Amino acid sequence: MDINVKATNFDADKKLIEFVNGKVNKLDKYFDGIIRSEVVLNFNRSKKKFTDNKEAKIKIEIPGNDLYAEKEATSFEEAVDLTVDALEKQVKKYKSKMRPQ
């Protein structure tokens, strides 16, 4: 799977990008038809409280459909974890619908 990581409003370090790649690659074990994924990490400065101001938005492209999730958390790692968990559920649901009954 091709993974494109984009950081807006900040510069992501190599360790964070490797973390994101590792988490997103785990989605392959649930469905091997994932073509590519786009990850956007955003430091949301519009929030008054700076506790949950880190966003992770992930779109994965699969044949015939795209799946998308976004979450906010206190750290980018936590936001990515939550987003990947949400996508995992979507991928499993999509895969179960594809199976002939």
N, C-alpha and C. Protein backbone atom coordinates (compact mmCIF):
# COMPACT_ATOMS: atom_id res chain seq x y z
N MET A 1 0.85 -1.18 0.00
CA MET A 1 0.00 0.00 0.00
C MET A 1 0.89 1.24 0.00
N ASP A 2 0.49 2.20 -0.76
CA ASP A 2 1.20 3.48 -0.83
C ASP A 2 0.60 4.41 0.23
N ILE A 3 1.47 4.95 1.10
CA ILE A 3 1.00 5.83 2.17
C ILE A 3 1.61 7.21 1.98
N ASN A 4 0.75 8.22 1.93
CA ASN A 4 1.20 9.60 1.79
C ASN A 4 0.86 10.34 3.08
N VAL A 5 1.89 10.82 3.78
CA VAL A 5 1.68 11.53 5.05
C VAL A 5 1.94 13.01 4.83
N LYS A 6 0.99 13.83 5.23
CA LYS A 6 1.12 15.28 5.08
C LYS A 6 0.87 15.92 6.43
N ALA A 7 1.75 16.81 6.84
CA ALA A 7 1.59 17.54 8.10
C ALA A 7 1.30 19.00 7.78
N THR A 8 0.21 19.53 8.34
CA THR A 8 -0.12 20.93 8.13
C THR A 8 0.05 21.68 9.44
N ASN A 9 0.50 22.90 9.34
CA ASN A 9 0.75 23.79 10.48
C ASN A 9 1.91 23.37 11.37
N PHE A 10 2.68 22.36 10.96
CA PHE A 10 3.87 21.96 11.71
C PHE A 10 4.71 21.03 10.84
N ASP A 11 5.95 20.78 11.26
CA ASP A 11 6.83 19.84 10.57
C ASP A 11 6.87 18.54 11.35
N ALA A 12 6.45 17.46 10.72
CA ALA A 12 6.45 16.15 11.38
C ALA A 12 7.86 15.57 11.33
N ASP A 13 8.31 15.02 12.46
CA ASP A 13 9.63 14.40 12.48
C ASP A 13 9.54 12.98 11.93
N LYS A 14 10.70 12.41 11.68
CA LYS A 14 10.80 11.08 11.06
C LYS A 14 10.14 10.01 11.93
N LYS A 15 10.29 10.14 13.24
CA LYS A 15 9.73 9.15 14.17
C LYS A 15 8.21 9.12 14.07
N LEU A 16 7.57 10.28 13.98
CA LEU A 16 6.11 10.36 13.86
C LEU A 16 5.64 9.76 12.53
N ILE A 17 6.34 10.06 11.47
CA ILE A 17 5.97 9.53 10.15
C ILE A 17 6.10 8.01 10.13
N GLU A 18 7.17 7.48 10.75
CA GLU A 18 7.33 6.02 10.83
C GLU A 18 6.22 5.39 11.66
N PHE A 19 5.82 6.06 12.75
CA PHE A 19 4.71 5.58 13.58
C PHE A 19 3.43 5.50 12.76
N VAL A 20 3.14 6.56 12.02
CA VAL A 20 1.93 6.60 11.19
C VAL A 20 1.95 5.49 10.15
N ASN A 21 3.08 5.33 9.46
CA ASN A 21 3.19 4.29 8.44
C ASN A 21 2.97 2.90 9.04
N GLY A 22 3.53 2.65 10.21
CA GLY A 22 3.36 1.36 10.86
C GLY A 22 1.91 1.08 11.21
N LYS A 23 1.22 2.08 11.75
CA LYS A 23 -0.19 1.90 12.13
C LYS A 23 -1.09 1.70 10.91
N VAL A 24 -0.88 2.51 9.89
CA VAL A 24 -1.74 2.41 8.70
C VAL A 24 -1.48 1.10 7.96
N ASN A 25 -0.24 0.64 7.93
CA ASN A 25 0.08 -0.63 7.27
C ASN A 25 -0.64 -1.81 7.92
N LYS A 26 -0.99 -1.70 9.19
CA LYS A 26 -1.69 -2.79 9.87
C LYS A 26 -3.08 -3.03 9.30
N LEU A 27 -3.63 -2.03 8.60
CA LEU A 27 -4.96 -2.21 8.00
C LEU A 27 -4.93 -3.26 6.89
N ASP A 28 -3.75 -3.52 6.32
CA ASP A 28 -3.61 -4.53 5.27
C ASP A 28 -3.99 -5.93 5.76
N LYS A 29 -3.83 -6.20 7.05
CA LYS A 29 -4.15 -7.55 7.53
C LYS A 29 -5.66 -7.80 7.56
N TYR A 30 -6.46 -6.76 7.51
CA TYR A 30 -7.91 -6.91 7.49
C TYR A 30 -8.47 -6.94 6.08
N PHE A 31 -7.77 -6.28 5.15
CA PHE A 31 -8.22 -6.25 3.77
C PHE A 31 -7.01 -5.94 2.89
N ASP A 32 -6.66 -6.87 2.02
CA ASP A 32 -5.45 -6.70 1.22
C ASP A 32 -5.69 -5.92 -0.07
N GLY A 33 -6.90 -5.44 -0.29
CA GLY A 33 -7.21 -4.69 -1.50
C GLY A 33 -7.04 -3.19 -1.36
N ILE A 34 -6.41 -2.72 -0.29
CA ILE A 34 -6.21 -1.29 -0.11
C ILE A 34 -5.16 -0.80 -1.10
N ILE A 35 -5.51 0.20 -1.87
CA ILE A 35 -4.62 0.71 -2.91
C ILE A 35 -3.64 1.72 -2.32
N ARG A 36 -4.17 2.74 -1.67
CA ARG A 36 -3.31 3.77 -1.07
C ARG A 36 -4.05 4.45 0.05
N SER A 37 -3.29 5.17 0.83
CA SER A 37 -3.92 5.94 1.91
C SER A 37 -3.26 7.31 1.99
N GLU A 38 -4.07 8.27 2.38
CA GLU A 38 -3.59 9.63 2.60
C GLU A 38 -3.84 9.99 4.05
N VAL A 39 -2.78 10.43 4.71
CA VAL A 39 -2.86 10.79 6.12
C VAL A 39 -2.55 12.28 6.23
N VAL A 40 -3.42 13.01 6.90
CA VAL A 40 -3.19 14.43 7.14
C VAL A 40 -3.15 14.64 8.65
N LEU A 41 -2.03 15.14 9.12
CA LEU A 41 -1.89 15.48 10.53
C LEU A 41 -1.96 17.00 10.63
N ASN A 42 -2.82 17.47 11.53
CA ASN A 42 -3.06 18.90 11.60
C ASN A 42 -3.01 19.36 13.05
N PHE A 43 -2.32 20.45 13.28
CA PHE A 43 -2.28 21.10 14.58
C PHE A 43 -3.36 22.16 14.55
N ASN A 44 -4.49 21.89 15.19
CA ASN A 44 -5.66 22.76 15.12
C ASN A 44 -5.50 23.93 16.09
N ARG A 45 -5.21 25.08 15.58
CA ARG A 45 -4.99 26.26 16.42
C ARG A 45 -6.27 27.01 16.73
N SER A 46 -7.38 26.60 16.15
CA SER A 46 -8.64 27.31 16.39
C SER A 46 -9.30 26.90 17.70
N LYS A 47 -8.82 25.83 18.28
CA LYS A 47 -9.40 25.37 19.56
C LYS A 47 -8.97 26.29 20.69
N LYS A 48 -9.89 26.62 21.56
CA LYS A 48 -9.56 27.45 22.71
C LYS A 48 -8.75 26.66 23.72
N LYS A 49 -9.16 25.40 23.94
CA LYS A 49 -8.37 24.53 24.81
C LYS A 49 -7.32 23.82 23.96
N PHE A 50 -6.12 23.75 24.45
CA PHE A 50 -5.06 23.13 23.68
C PHE A 50 -4.85 21.67 24.08
N THR A 51 -5.86 21.06 24.68
CA THR A 51 -5.68 19.66 25.08
C THR A 51 -5.96 18.71 23.93
N ASP A 52 -7.03 18.90 23.21
CA ASP A 52 -7.37 18.01 22.10
C ASP A 52 -7.25 18.76 20.77
N ASN A 53 -6.10 19.30 20.51
CA ASN A 53 -5.95 20.11 19.31
C ASN A 53 -5.12 19.45 18.22
N LYS A 54 -4.83 18.17 18.36
CA LYS A 54 -4.07 17.46 17.33
C LYS A 54 -5.02 16.53 16.58
N GLU A 55 -5.09 16.71 15.27
CA GLU A 55 -6.03 15.96 14.44
C GLU A 55 -5.29 14.99 13.52
N ALA A 56 -5.92 13.85 13.31
CA ALA A 56 -5.45 12.90 12.31
C ALA A 56 -6.63 12.59 11.39
N LYS A 57 -6.41 12.76 10.10
CA LYS A 57 -7.43 12.47 9.10
C LYS A 57 -6.82 11.45 8.14
N ILE A 58 -7.51 10.33 7.96
CA ILE A 58 -6.99 9.27 7.10
C ILE A 58 -8.06 8.86 6.11
N LYS A 59 -7.67 8.83 4.83
CA LYS A 59 -8.54 8.34 3.76
C LYS A 59 -7.83 7.16 3.12
N ILE A 60 -8.52 6.04 3.03
CA ILE A 60 -7.94 4.88 2.33
C ILE A 60 -8.77 4.60 1.09
N GLU A 61 -8.07 4.29 0.01
CA GLU A 61 -8.71 4.00 -1.26
C GLU A 61 -8.74 2.49 -1.44
N ILE A 62 -9.94 1.99 -1.66
CA ILE A 62 -10.12 0.57 -1.94
C ILE A 62 -10.95 0.46 -3.21
N PRO A 63 -10.90 -0.67 -3.89
CA PRO A 63 -11.64 -0.78 -5.15
C PRO A 63 -13.13 -0.48 -4.97
N GLY A 64 -13.60 0.52 -5.70
CA GLY A 64 -15.01 0.86 -5.69
C GLY A 64 -15.45 1.80 -4.59
N ASN A 65 -14.54 2.18 -3.68
CA ASN A 65 -14.97 3.00 -2.57
C ASN A 65 -13.75 3.63 -1.88
N ASP A 66 -14.00 4.68 -1.13
CA ASP A 66 -12.99 5.27 -0.25
C ASP A 66 -13.55 5.27 1.16
N LEU A 67 -12.70 5.00 2.13
CA LEU A 67 -13.10 5.04 3.52
C LEU A 67 -12.35 6.18 4.19
N TYR A 68 -13.01 6.87 5.12
CA TYR A 68 -12.43 8.06 5.72
C TYR A 68 -12.77 8.11 7.20
N ALA A 69 -11.79 8.57 7.98
CA ALA A 69 -12.03 8.79 9.41
C ALA A 69 -11.13 9.93 9.87
N GLU A 70 -11.59 10.65 10.88
CA GLU A 70 -10.77 11.69 11.50
C GLU A 70 -11.06 11.74 12.99
N LYS A 71 -10.02 11.97 13.75
CA LYS A 71 -10.14 12.04 15.21
C LYS A 71 -9.22 13.12 15.74
N GLU A 72 -9.54 13.62 16.93
CA GLU A 72 -8.72 14.60 17.63
C GLU A 72 -8.30 14.02 18.97
N ALA A 73 -7.09 14.38 19.41
CA ALA A 73 -6.59 13.88 20.69
C ALA A 73 -5.52 14.82 21.22
N THR A 74 -4.94 14.44 22.35
CA THR A 74 -3.90 15.29 22.97
C THR A 74 -2.55 15.10 22.31
N SER A 75 -2.35 14.00 21.58
CA SER A 75 -1.09 13.78 20.86
C SER A 75 -1.41 13.24 19.47
N PHE A 76 -0.48 13.40 18.56
CA PHE A 76 -0.70 12.89 17.21
C PHE A 76 -0.75 11.36 17.22
N GLU A 77 0.06 10.73 18.06
CA GLU A 77 0.07 9.27 18.13
C GLU A 77 -1.30 8.74 18.57
N GLU A 78 -1.87 9.38 19.58
CA GLU A 78 -3.18 8.97 20.06
C GLU A 78 -4.26 9.21 19.00
N ALA A 79 -4.18 10.33 18.31
CA ALA A 79 -5.15 10.64 17.26
C ALA A 79 -5.05 9.62 16.13
N VAL A 80 -3.83 9.24 15.76
CA VAL A 80 -3.65 8.23 14.71
C VAL A 80 -4.20 6.88 15.17
N ASP A 81 -3.93 6.50 16.42
CA ASP A 81 -4.46 5.24 16.96
C ASP A 81 -5.99 5.21 16.86
N LEU A 82 -6.64 6.28 17.30
CA LEU A 82 -8.09 6.34 17.28
C LEU A 82 -8.64 6.30 15.85
N THR A 83 -7.97 6.98 14.95
CA THR A 83 -8.41 7.02 13.56
C THR A 83 -8.25 5.66 12.89
N VAL A 84 -7.13 5.00 13.14
CA VAL A 84 -6.90 3.67 12.56
C VAL A 84 -7.92 2.68 13.13
N ASP A 85 -8.25 2.79 14.41
CA ASP A 85 -9.27 1.91 15.00
C ASP A 85 -10.62 2.11 14.30
N ALA A 86 -10.97 3.35 14.04
CA ALA A 86 -12.23 3.64 13.34
C ALA A 86 -12.22 3.07 11.92
N LEU A 87 -11.09 3.20 11.24
CA LEU A 87 -10.98 2.66 9.88
C LEU A 87 -10.99 1.14 9.88
N GLU A 88 -10.41 0.55 10.90
CA GLU A 88 -10.42 -0.91 11.02
C GLU A 88 -11.86 -1.43 11.04
N LYS A 89 -12.71 -0.77 11.80
CA LYS A 89 -14.12 -1.16 11.86
C LYS A 89 -14.78 -0.99 10.49
N GLN A 90 -14.48 0.11 9.81
CA GLN A 90 -15.07 0.35 8.49
C GLN A 90 -14.61 -0.69 7.48
N VAL A 91 -13.32 -1.04 7.53
CA VAL A 91 -12.77 -2.03 6.59
C VAL A 91 -13.42 -3.39 6.83
N LYS A 92 -13.57 -3.78 8.09
CA LYS A 92 -14.20 -5.07 8.39
C LYS A 92 -15.65 -5.09 7.91
N LYS A 93 -16.36 -3.98 8.10
CA LYS A 93 -17.75 -3.90 7.65
C LYS A 93 -17.82 -3.97 6.12
N TYR A 94 -16.94 -3.25 5.45
CA TYR A 94 -16.90 -3.26 3.99
C TYR A 94 -16.61 -4.66 3.47
N LYS A 95 -15.64 -5.33 4.09
CA LYS A 95 -15.25 -6.67 3.66
C LYS A 95 -16.39 -7.66 3.86
N SER A 96 -17.12 -7.52 4.98
CA SER A 96 -18.23 -8.44 5.22
C SER A 96 -19.37 -8.23 4.21
N LYS A 97 -19.55 -7.02 3.73
CA LYS A 97 -20.57 -6.75 2.71
C LYS A 97 -20.17 -7.32 1.35
N MET A 98 -18.87 -7.45 1.12
CA MET A 98 -18.39 -7.96 -0.17
C MET A 98 -18.57 -9.46 -0.28
N ARG A 99 -18.59 -10.17 0.82
CA ARG A 99 -18.69 -11.63 0.80
C ARG A 99 -20.06 -12.05 0.26
N PRO A 100 -20.06 -13.06 -0.62
CA PRO A 100 -21.36 -13.56 -1.09
C PRO A 100 -22.08 -14.26 0.05
N GLN A 101 -23.37 -14.07 0.12
CA GLN A 101 -24.15 -14.62 1.23
C GLN A 101 -24.68 -15.98 0.91
